[in-house]
Amino acid sequence: MQVIENLKVKEKLYLEKLDNGLTVMIIPKPGIQKKYIIWGTNYGSNDSTFIVPGEEKETVVPKGVAHFLEHKLFEQENGTNSLDVLTSLGVEANAYTTNDHTAYLFESTDNFYEAMDELMDYVQHPYFTDENVEKEKGIIGQEIMMYDDYPDWRVYLNAMQAMYHNNPIKIDITGTIETISRIDKDILYKCYNTFYNPSNMALVVCGDFEPEKMIEEIKKRLIEKKANGKIERIYPEEPESIVQEKIEQKLEVSRPLYTIGIKDSRDKCSIENKNEIIRKHIAIEILLNLLIGRSSNLYKELYDEGVISSQPSLDYEFSKTYAHVLITGQSNNPEKVYEGLKGEIHKLKDNGINEDDFNRMKKMIYGGYVKEYNDVVDISRMFLADYFKGINSFDYLEEIEGINVEYLSQVLNDVFKEEKMLISIVRN
């Protein structure tokens, strides 16, 4: 078992790759009552064209299969629903699907091992029939229609559609009414058998555990399954340009919502170069806070004028096939926020980055990273998501030290380009 220690946060990661290919990560938290487990597969909504290991022909499945599978795994052959079983044990259980992974999880203070029995059983024993698949289409169809009218989701998805020409991130994770109508049990089993192989999965446990004993508990609950070969995933070519600079939709909202997006290139930051990915991510976080964070000049101006009433959320989302900056908030004049941001970017490029401001923001970002290690939920979800990106979460704490003003200026010029910017607005 590999042990990786980070002295900055006084945490240890115990990492082991089992014979069947499953990666297990254990982060012990002695004395902490809350326990958390999350089991994920490197399979998300973007993975709809692939070559199954051992086959030569491409498999193409409808959009929305990964999310559909997530829903269906809870249903057991004996008629029970595993989510109900877990709830009856007094644990908080859930699952989610993203563009690049699917995860099943629970947190508890009691009945951890009984709940672990259920989690590891249902994830390894899919049960799909023509009847239960048809029934699920109605349930997911209602979910799709609900999200169609959900302003927070629409402002985000519209930004993706304005940003990307071909990348599947522009399509809702749930798929559409039309695409899910084409899903059947054979498609679900094929995708399950391809992507839910242990060699494509990772399991993270955080809490008051002895790592060696926890590894044995996990092994006891695994069914016999051999590692399969590499799954070849096929994605469409994506131009560097955006689709359109502005997209607007009318929905019932108390105040207009906006998402400002900046499309980034994946080529300049290869997924194999994990240190560069991390440094770039940190630099973008610092830049966003300098530009429109709570202590920035632009934020103060917009707040004093009543254009915004709180700091927008600032994100850099990236995976193997996409990367973009997102700034999301509410404003009675989203266009003014957008033009103000463009102006601040120009100013920062022309005048340079103030060393004192930079150091202050760097300390703030570092403090945020350290704070994430206080909670077993944050730690576990972070390690799983980063693992599927080829990153060890501890590396953020190491790489931030090497970030300087020169590097920040380079990222500012490489990423924050006006021709890559767009705004999505939802208003009445």
Protein backbone atom coordinates (compact mmCIF):
# COMPACT_ATOMS: atom_id res chain seq x y z
CA MET A 1 0.00 0.00 0.00
CA GLN A 2 1.34 3.42 -0.99
CA VAL A 3 1.28 6.11 1.70
CA ILE A 4 1.30 9.76 0.61
CA GLU A 5 1.63 12.29 3.40
CA ASN A 6 1.03 16.02 3.24
CA LEU A 7 2.59 17.80 6.21
CA LYS A 8 0.88 21.11 5.41
CA VAL A 9 -2.53 19.72 6.35
CA LYS A 10 -1.18 16.81 8.44
CA GLU A 11 -3.11 14.28 6.35
CA LYS A 12 -2.17 10.89 4.93
CA LEU A 13 -3.56 9.17 1.84
CA TYR A 14 -3.34 5.39 1.74
CA LEU A 15 -3.58 4.26 -1.87
CA GLU A 16 -3.81 0.72 -3.18
CA LYS A 17 -4.59 -0.71 -6.60
CA LEU A 18 -6.23 -4.10 -6.10
CA ASP A 19 -5.62 -7.15 -8.31
CA ASN A 20 -8.91 -6.54 -10.16
CA GLY A 21 -7.76 -2.99 -11.07
CA LEU A 22 -9.88 -1.09 -8.52
CA THR A 23 -8.11 1.93 -7.01
CA VAL A 24 -8.84 2.38 -3.30
CA MET A 25 -8.03 5.62 -1.47
CA ILE A 26 -8.32 5.85 2.31
CA ILE A 27 -7.92 9.11 4.24
CA PRO A 28 -7.99 8.33 7.99
CA LYS A 29 -9.47 10.98 10.32
CA PRO A 30 -8.84 9.69 13.86
CA GLY A 31 -11.40 10.82 16.42
CA ILE A 32 -13.92 12.04 13.81
CA GLN A 33 -17.42 10.55 14.20
CA LYS A 34 -18.65 11.11 10.65
CA LYS A 35 -17.68 8.51 8.03
CA TYR A 36 -17.96 8.83 4.27
CA ILE A 37 -17.60 6.44 1.35
CA ILE A 38 -17.86 7.24 -2.35
CA TRP A 39 -17.51 4.73 -5.18
CA GLY A 40 -17.12 6.18 -8.65
CA THR A 41 -16.67 5.07 -12.21
CA ASN A 42 -14.80 7.06 -14.83
CA TYR A 43 -17.94 7.25 -16.95
CA GLY A 44 -20.04 10.33 -17.50
CA SER A 45 -22.52 11.89 -19.87
CA ASN A 46 -19.81 12.74 -22.44
CA ASP A 47 -18.98 9.05 -23.02
CA SER A 48 -21.49 8.02 -25.65
CA THR A 49 -19.10 6.84 -28.39
CA PHE A 50 -16.47 4.26 -27.48
CA ILE A 51 -14.78 1.00 -28.40
CA VAL A 52 -15.32 -1.82 -25.92
CA PRO A 53 -12.05 -3.57 -24.90
CA GLY A 54 -11.59 -6.58 -27.15
CA GLU A 55 -13.86 -5.19 -29.90
CA GLU A 56 -12.89 -3.25 -33.02
CA LYS A 57 -16.18 -1.61 -33.93
CA GLU A 58 -17.34 1.68 -32.41
CA THR A 59 -20.33 1.55 -30.07
CA VAL A 60 -22.60 4.60 -30.16
CA VAL A 61 -25.30 4.94 -27.50
CA PRO A 62 -27.96 7.62 -26.95
CA LYS A 63 -27.18 10.67 -24.80
CA GLY A 64 -28.20 10.22 -21.17
CA VAL A 65 -27.23 6.57 -20.61
CA ALA A 66 -24.75 7.28 -17.78
CA HIS A 67 -27.41 9.18 -15.80
CA PHE A 68 -30.06 6.55 -16.63
CA LEU A 69 -27.75 3.83 -15.30
CA GLU A 70 -27.20 5.79 -12.09
CA HIS A 71 -30.97 5.84 -11.51
CA LYS A 72 -31.45 2.16 -12.32
CA LEU A 73 -28.71 0.69 -10.13
CA PHE A 74 -30.71 1.30 -6.94
CA GLU A 75 -33.46 -1.08 -8.11
CA GLN A 76 -32.88 -4.66 -6.99
CA GLU A 77 -34.18 -7.97 -8.34
CA ASN A 78 -35.92 -8.76 -5.01
CA GLY A 79 -38.11 -5.68 -5.45
CA THR A 80 -36.29 -3.46 -2.93
CA ASN A 81 -34.74 -0.08 -3.64
CA SER A 82 -31.25 0.28 -2.20
CA LEU A 83 -31.75 3.96 -1.49
CA ASP A 84 -34.66 3.04 0.81
CA VAL A 85 -32.58 0.33 2.48
CA LEU A 86 -29.74 2.78 3.15
CA THR A 87 -32.13 5.42 4.50
CA SER A 88 -33.64 2.85 6.87
CA LEU A 89 -30.14 2.28 8.27
CA GLY A 90 -29.99 5.97 9.20
CA VAL A 91 -27.34 6.96 6.65
CA GLU A 92 -27.48 9.81 4.11
CA ALA A 93 -27.11 8.14 0.72
CA ASN A 94 -27.04 9.60 -2.75
CA ALA A 95 -25.60 9.29 -6.25
CA TYR A 96 -24.74 11.73 -9.02
CA THR A 97 -23.62 11.86 -12.64
CA THR A 98 -21.28 14.45 -14.14
CA ASN A 99 -19.82 14.88 -17.61
CA ASP A 100 -16.89 12.60 -16.76
CA HIS A 101 -17.84 10.35 -13.82
CA THR A 102 -20.69 8.73 -11.90
CA ALA A 103 -20.58 8.19 -8.14
CA TYR A 104 -22.51 6.37 -5.40
CA LEU A 105 -22.05 7.45 -1.79
CA PHE A 106 -23.23 7.69 1.77
CA GLU A 107 -22.22 9.38 5.00
CA SER A 108 -22.96 8.02 8.44
CA THR A 109 -22.07 7.98 12.12
CA ASP A 110 -23.61 4.55 12.80
CA ASN A 111 -24.27 1.35 10.83
CA PHE A 112 -21.37 2.07 8.48
CA TYR A 113 -20.55 -1.55 7.61
CA GLU A 114 -24.19 -2.57 7.14
CA ALA A 115 -24.60 0.37 4.77
CA MET A 116 -21.35 -0.56 3.04
CA ASP A 117 -22.78 -4.05 2.46
CA GLU A 118 -25.74 -2.50 0.63
CA LEU A 119 -23.70 0.04 -1.36
CA MET A 120 -21.19 -2.49 -2.62
CA ASP A 121 -23.95 -4.99 -3.37
CA TYR A 122 -26.16 -2.77 -5.50
CA VAL A 123 -23.31 -1.17 -7.46
CA GLN A 124 -22.09 -4.67 -8.44
CA HIS A 125 -25.49 -6.22 -9.23
CA PRO A 126 -27.42 -4.39 -11.94
CA TYR A 127 -30.98 -5.50 -12.64
CA PHE A 128 -32.56 -4.23 -15.84
CA THR A 129 -35.76 -5.48 -17.46
CA ASP A 130 -37.83 -4.14 -20.36
CA GLU A 131 -40.53 -3.14 -17.85
CA ASN A 132 -38.35 -1.31 -15.33
CA VAL A 133 -36.45 0.51 -18.09
CA GLU A 134 -39.70 1.76 -19.66
CA LYS A 135 -40.98 2.89 -16.26
CA GLU A 136 -37.74 4.83 -15.62
CA LYS A 137 -38.11 6.71 -18.92
CA GLY A 138 -41.23 8.39 -17.54
CA ILE A 139 -39.48 9.35 -14.30
CA ILE A 140 -36.38 10.75 -16.04
CA GLY A 141 -38.59 12.45 -18.65
CA GLN A 142 -40.26 14.40 -15.84
CA GLU A 143 -36.82 15.32 -14.47
CA ILE A 144 -35.74 16.60 -17.90
CA MET A 145 -38.88 18.76 -18.20
CA MET A 146 -38.38 20.10 -14.68
CA TYR A 147 -34.81 21.17 -15.48
CA ASP A 148 -35.99 22.79 -18.72
CA ASP A 149 -37.80 25.35 -16.53
CA TYR A 150 -35.11 25.65 -13.86
CA PRO A 151 -33.41 29.06 -14.36
CA ASP A 152 -30.11 28.20 -12.62
CA TRP A 153 -29.64 25.16 -14.86
CA ARG A 154 -30.79 26.89 -18.05
CA VAL A 155 -28.37 29.81 -17.65
CA TYR A 156 -25.51 27.29 -17.33
CA LEU A 157 -26.57 24.95 -20.13
CA ASN A 158 -27.25 27.86 -22.49
CA ALA A 159 -23.69 29.08 -21.78
CA MET A 160 -22.38 25.63 -22.79
CA GLN A 161 -24.42 25.77 -26.00
CA ALA A 162 -23.05 29.22 -26.82
CA MET A 163 -19.51 28.07 -26.05
CA TYR A 164 -19.20 24.63 -27.70
CA HIS A 165 -19.90 23.61 -31.30
CA ASN A 166 -19.67 19.82 -30.97
CA ASN A 167 -18.50 18.86 -27.48
CA PRO A 168 -21.16 16.73 -25.72
CA ILE A 169 -20.94 18.96 -22.63
CA LYS A 170 -23.44 21.20 -24.44
CA ILE A 171 -26.09 18.46 -24.05
CA ASP A 172 -27.87 18.02 -20.71
CA ILE A 173 -26.37 15.24 -18.55
CA THR A 174 -29.85 13.64 -18.44
CA GLY A 175 -30.10 13.53 -22.24
CA THR A 176 -33.34 14.59 -23.91
CA ILE A 177 -36.83 13.07 -24.07
CA GLU A 178 -35.94 11.85 -27.57
CA THR A 179 -32.54 10.31 -26.69
CA ILE A 180 -33.73 8.45 -23.58
CA SER A 181 -36.62 6.97 -25.57
CA ARG A 182 -33.98 4.91 -27.44
CA ILE A 183 -32.41 3.40 -24.29
CA ASP A 184 -33.14 -0.27 -23.62
CA LYS A 185 -31.84 -2.91 -21.21
CA ASP A 186 -29.24 -4.22 -23.70
CA ILE A 187 -27.68 -0.75 -24.01
CA LEU A 188 -27.63 -0.39 -20.21
CA TYR A 189 -25.97 -3.78 -19.70
CA LYS A 190 -23.39 -3.04 -22.42
CA CYS A 191 -22.45 0.29 -20.86
CA TYR A 192 -22.47 -1.17 -17.36
CA ASN A 193 -20.19 -4.07 -18.35
CA THR A 194 -17.84 -1.72 -20.18
CA PHE A 195 -17.53 1.14 -17.71
CA TYR A 196 -18.35 -0.45 -14.34
CA ASN A 197 -15.30 -2.68 -14.49
CA PRO A 198 -13.11 -2.30 -11.35
CA SER A 199 -10.18 -1.13 -13.48
CA ASN A 200 -12.26 1.90 -14.51
CA MET A 201 -13.39 2.67 -10.95
CA ALA A 202 -12.10 4.23 -7.74
CA LEU A 203 -13.36 4.02 -4.15
CA VAL A 204 -12.60 6.65 -1.50
CA VAL A 205 -13.21 6.21 2.24
CA CYS A 206 -12.68 8.93 4.84
CA GLY A 207 -13.19 8.66 8.60
CA ASP A 208 -11.81 7.00 11.73
CA PHE A 209 -10.52 3.83 10.05
CA GLU A 210 -7.43 1.61 10.11
CA PRO A 211 -6.39 1.59 6.41
CA GLU A 212 -5.27 -2.07 6.32
CA LYS A 213 -8.50 -3.26 7.94
CA MET A 214 -10.60 -1.11 5.61
CA ILE A 215 -8.86 -2.61 2.56
CA GLU A 216 -9.80 -6.09 3.83
CA GLU A 217 -13.43 -5.00 4.40
CA ILE A 218 -13.58 -3.74 0.81
CA LYS A 219 -12.02 -6.90 -0.62
CA LYS A 220 -14.54 -9.07 1.27
CA ARG A 221 -17.42 -7.29 -0.47
CA LEU A 222 -16.04 -7.38 -4.02
CA ILE A 223 -17.37 -9.96 -6.45
CA GLU A 224 -14.93 -11.87 -8.67
CA LYS A 225 -14.27 -9.74 -11.72
CA LYS A 226 -11.13 -9.37 -13.80
CA ALA A 227 -9.73 -6.06 -14.99
CA ASN A 228 -10.59 -5.35 -18.61
CA GLY A 229 -8.45 -3.51 -21.15
CA LYS A 230 -8.40 0.18 -21.92
CA ILE A 231 -11.68 1.68 -23.09
CA GLU A 232 -11.16 3.83 -26.18
CA ARG A 233 -13.39 6.89 -25.91
CA ILE A 234 -14.19 8.86 -29.04
CA TYR A 235 -15.09 12.53 -28.92
CA PRO A 236 -15.94 14.94 -31.75
CA GLU A 237 -13.44 17.55 -32.89
CA GLU A 238 -14.05 20.93 -31.26
CA PRO A 239 -13.04 24.23 -32.89
CA GLU A 240 -11.20 26.85 -30.81
CA SER A 241 -13.91 29.47 -31.43
CA ILE A 242 -17.15 29.98 -29.50
CA VAL A 243 -20.56 29.58 -31.17
CA GLN A 244 -22.04 32.97 -30.21
CA GLU A 245 -21.24 35.78 -27.78
CA LYS A 246 -24.69 36.25 -26.28
CA ILE A 247 -27.60 33.93 -25.57
CA GLU A 248 -30.77 34.88 -23.74
CA GLN A 249 -33.86 33.07 -22.46
CA LYS A 250 -37.03 34.27 -20.76
CA LEU A 251 -38.11 32.46 -17.58
CA GLU A 252 -39.76 33.42 -14.30
CA VAL A 253 -36.98 34.94 -12.16
CA SER A 254 -37.05 37.60 -9.44
CA ARG A 255 -33.82 39.10 -10.82
CA PRO A 256 -31.93 38.30 -14.03
CA LEU A 257 -29.36 35.49 -13.84
CA TYR A 258 -26.16 35.50 -15.86
CA THR A 259 -23.27 33.19 -16.63
CA ILE A 260 -20.17 34.69 -18.23
CA GLY A 261 -18.07 32.02 -19.91
CA ILE A 262 -14.54 31.99 -21.29
CA LYS A 263 -13.63 29.02 -23.47
CA ASP A 264 -10.18 27.59 -22.83
CA SER A 265 -8.07 25.35 -25.02
CA ARG A 266 -7.35 21.77 -23.93
CA ASP A 267 -4.34 21.47 -26.25
CA LYS A 268 -2.10 23.84 -24.31
CA CYS A 269 -2.71 21.99 -21.07
CA SER A 270 -2.41 18.30 -21.85
CA ILE A 271 -4.11 16.00 -19.35
CA GLU A 272 -0.81 14.08 -19.12
CA ASN A 273 0.90 17.17 -17.70
CA LYS A 274 -0.86 17.15 -14.34
CA ASN A 275 1.37 19.73 -12.65
CA GLU A 276 0.67 22.26 -15.39
CA ILE A 277 -3.08 21.60 -15.14
CA ILE A 278 -2.98 22.24 -11.39
CA ARG A 279 -0.87 25.40 -11.70
CA LYS A 280 -3.16 26.76 -14.38
CA HIS A 281 -6.26 26.01 -12.25
CA ILE A 282 -4.73 27.83 -9.25
CA ALA A 283 -3.68 30.81 -11.40
CA ILE A 284 -7.21 31.14 -12.82
CA GLU A 285 -8.72 31.06 -9.32
CA ILE A 286 -6.38 33.87 -8.24
CA LEU A 287 -7.11 35.90 -11.40
CA LEU A 288 -10.88 35.56 -11.03
CA ASN A 289 -10.69 36.87 -7.47
CA LEU A 290 -8.46 39.76 -8.55
CA LEU A 291 -10.88 40.63 -11.35
CA ILE A 292 -14.30 40.31 -9.70
CA GLY A 293 -13.82 38.79 -6.23
CA ARG A 294 -15.25 40.41 -3.11
CA SER A 295 -12.23 42.69 -2.55
CA SER A 296 -11.79 43.71 -6.22
CA ASN A 297 -12.39 47.23 -7.55
CA LEU A 298 -14.96 45.98 -10.06
CA TYR A 299 -17.00 44.20 -7.38
CA LYS A 300 -17.01 47.33 -5.19
CA GLU A 301 -18.10 49.54 -8.11
CA LEU A 302 -20.90 47.21 -9.20
CA TYR A 303 -22.05 46.69 -5.60
CA ASP A 304 -22.08 50.43 -4.81
CA GLU A 305 -24.11 51.10 -7.97
CA GLY A 306 -26.61 48.37 -6.99
CA VAL A 307 -25.82 46.33 -10.12
CA ILE A 308 -24.95 43.26 -8.02
CA SER A 309 -25.73 42.44 -4.40
CA SER A 310 -23.36 39.51 -3.77
CA GLN A 311 -20.17 38.04 -5.18
CA PRO A 312 -20.77 35.81 -8.22
CA SER A 313 -19.57 32.21 -8.10
CA LEU A 314 -16.18 31.85 -9.78
CA ASP A 315 -15.26 28.50 -11.34
CA TYR A 316 -12.80 26.84 -13.67
CA GLU A 317 -14.28 23.58 -14.97
CA PHE A 318 -12.07 21.17 -16.87
CA SER A 319 -11.85 17.55 -17.91
CA LYS A 320 -10.03 15.56 -20.56
CA THR A 321 -12.00 17.13 -23.41
CA TYR A 322 -13.04 20.61 -22.29
CA ALA A 323 -12.02 23.57 -20.12
CA HIS A 324 -13.73 26.87 -19.39
CA VAL A 325 -14.06 29.70 -16.91
CA LEU A 326 -17.54 30.43 -15.49
CA ILE A 327 -18.73 33.49 -13.56
CA THR A 328 -22.34 33.14 -12.42
CA GLY A 329 -24.59 35.47 -10.44
CA GLN A 330 -27.65 37.70 -10.33
CA SER A 331 -27.80 41.27 -11.56
CA ASN A 332 -30.39 43.81 -12.71
CA ASN A 333 -27.94 44.68 -15.51
CA PRO A 334 -25.95 41.58 -16.57
CA GLU A 335 -24.56 43.38 -19.63
CA LYS A 336 -22.91 45.95 -17.34
CA VAL A 337 -21.23 43.16 -15.35
CA TYR A 338 -20.00 41.64 -18.63
CA GLU A 339 -18.61 44.88 -20.04
CA GLY A 340 -17.11 45.74 -16.64
CA LEU A 341 -15.29 42.41 -16.55
CA LYS A 342 -13.94 42.94 -20.07
CA GLY A 343 -12.66 46.34 -18.98
CA GLU A 344 -10.94 44.91 -15.89
CA ILE A 345 -9.23 42.23 -17.98
CA HIS A 346 -7.86 44.92 -20.32
CA LYS A 347 -6.69 47.02 -17.35
CA LEU A 348 -4.93 44.07 -15.73
CA LYS A 349 -3.20 43.23 -19.02
CA ASP A 350 -2.15 46.86 -19.60
CA ASN A 351 -1.14 47.83 -16.05
CA GLY A 352 0.20 44.52 -14.80
CA ILE A 353 -0.64 42.58 -11.64
CA ASN A 354 -0.02 44.26 -8.30
CA GLU A 355 2.32 42.10 -6.20
CA ASP A 356 0.56 42.89 -2.90
CA ASP A 357 -2.88 42.07 -4.33
CA PHE A 358 -1.48 38.86 -5.78
CA ASN A 359 0.04 37.74 -2.45
CA ARG A 360 -3.17 38.50 -0.59
CA MET A 361 -5.27 36.46 -3.03
CA LYS A 362 -2.78 33.62 -3.05
CA LYS A 363 -3.02 33.35 0.75
CA MET A 364 -6.82 33.41 0.57
CA ILE A 365 -6.93 30.62 -2.05
CA TYR A 366 -4.46 28.55 -0.03
CA GLY A 367 -6.64 28.98 3.07
CA GLY A 368 -9.61 27.68 1.07
CA TYR A 369 -7.67 24.57 0.05
CA VAL A 370 -6.68 23.86 3.66
CA LYS A 371 -10.27 24.33 4.84
CA GLU A 372 -11.47 21.57 2.49
CA TYR A 373 -9.58 19.05 4.64
CA ASN A 374 -11.85 19.78 7.62
CA ASP A 375 -14.78 17.83 6.18
CA VAL A 376 -14.88 14.13 5.24
CA VAL A 377 -17.39 14.86 2.45
CA ASP A 378 -15.26 17.58 0.80
CA ILE A 379 -12.11 15.47 1.07
CA SER A 380 -13.65 12.33 -0.45
CA ARG A 381 -15.43 14.00 -3.35
CA MET A 382 -12.35 16.08 -4.11
CA PHE A 383 -10.00 13.06 -4.21
CA LEU A 384 -12.38 11.08 -6.42
CA ALA A 385 -13.01 13.87 -8.95
CA ASP A 386 -9.31 14.77 -9.10
CA TYR A 387 -8.30 11.11 -9.48
CA PHE A 388 -10.39 10.80 -12.63
CA LYS A 389 -8.62 13.91 -13.97
CA GLY A 390 -5.25 12.26 -13.30
CA ILE A 391 -4.53 14.49 -10.29
CA ASN A 392 -3.66 13.91 -6.64
CA SER A 393 -5.55 16.53 -4.59
CA PHE A 394 -2.53 17.08 -2.31
CA ASP A 395 -0.66 18.52 -5.29
CA TYR A 396 -2.68 21.75 -5.13
CA LEU A 397 -1.11 22.48 -1.73
CA GLU A 398 2.38 21.97 -3.20
CA GLU A 399 1.97 23.70 -6.55
CA ILE A 400 0.49 26.93 -5.17
CA GLU A 401 3.87 27.87 -3.67
CA GLY A 402 5.45 28.10 -7.12
CA ILE A 403 2.81 30.42 -8.59
CA ASN A 404 4.20 33.91 -9.20
CA VAL A 405 3.11 37.15 -10.90
CA GLU A 406 4.94 36.25 -14.13
CA TYR A 407 3.07 32.97 -14.45
CA LEU A 408 -0.22 34.67 -13.58
CA SER A 409 0.35 37.21 -16.39
CA GLN A 410 1.02 34.37 -18.83
CA VAL A 411 -2.27 32.64 -17.91
CA LEU A 412 -4.13 35.96 -18.06
CA ASN A 413 -2.98 36.46 -21.67
CA ASP A 414 -3.46 32.82 -22.70
CA VAL A 415 -6.95 32.27 -21.27
CA PHE A 416 -8.76 35.60 -20.76
CA LYS A 417 -9.29 36.46 -24.44
CA GLU A 418 -12.21 38.65 -25.49
CA GLU A 419 -12.94 36.56 -28.60
CA LYS A 420 -13.46 33.51 -26.34
CA MET A 421 -15.92 35.30 -24.00
CA LEU A 422 -19.70 35.00 -23.95
CA ILE A 423 -22.67 35.75 -21.73
CA SER A 424 -25.80 33.71 -21.05
CA ILE A 425 -28.76 35.57 -19.48
CA VAL A 426 -32.08 34.37 -18.09
CA ARG A 427 -34.59 37.16 -17.38
CA ASN A 428 -38.33 37.79 -17.31
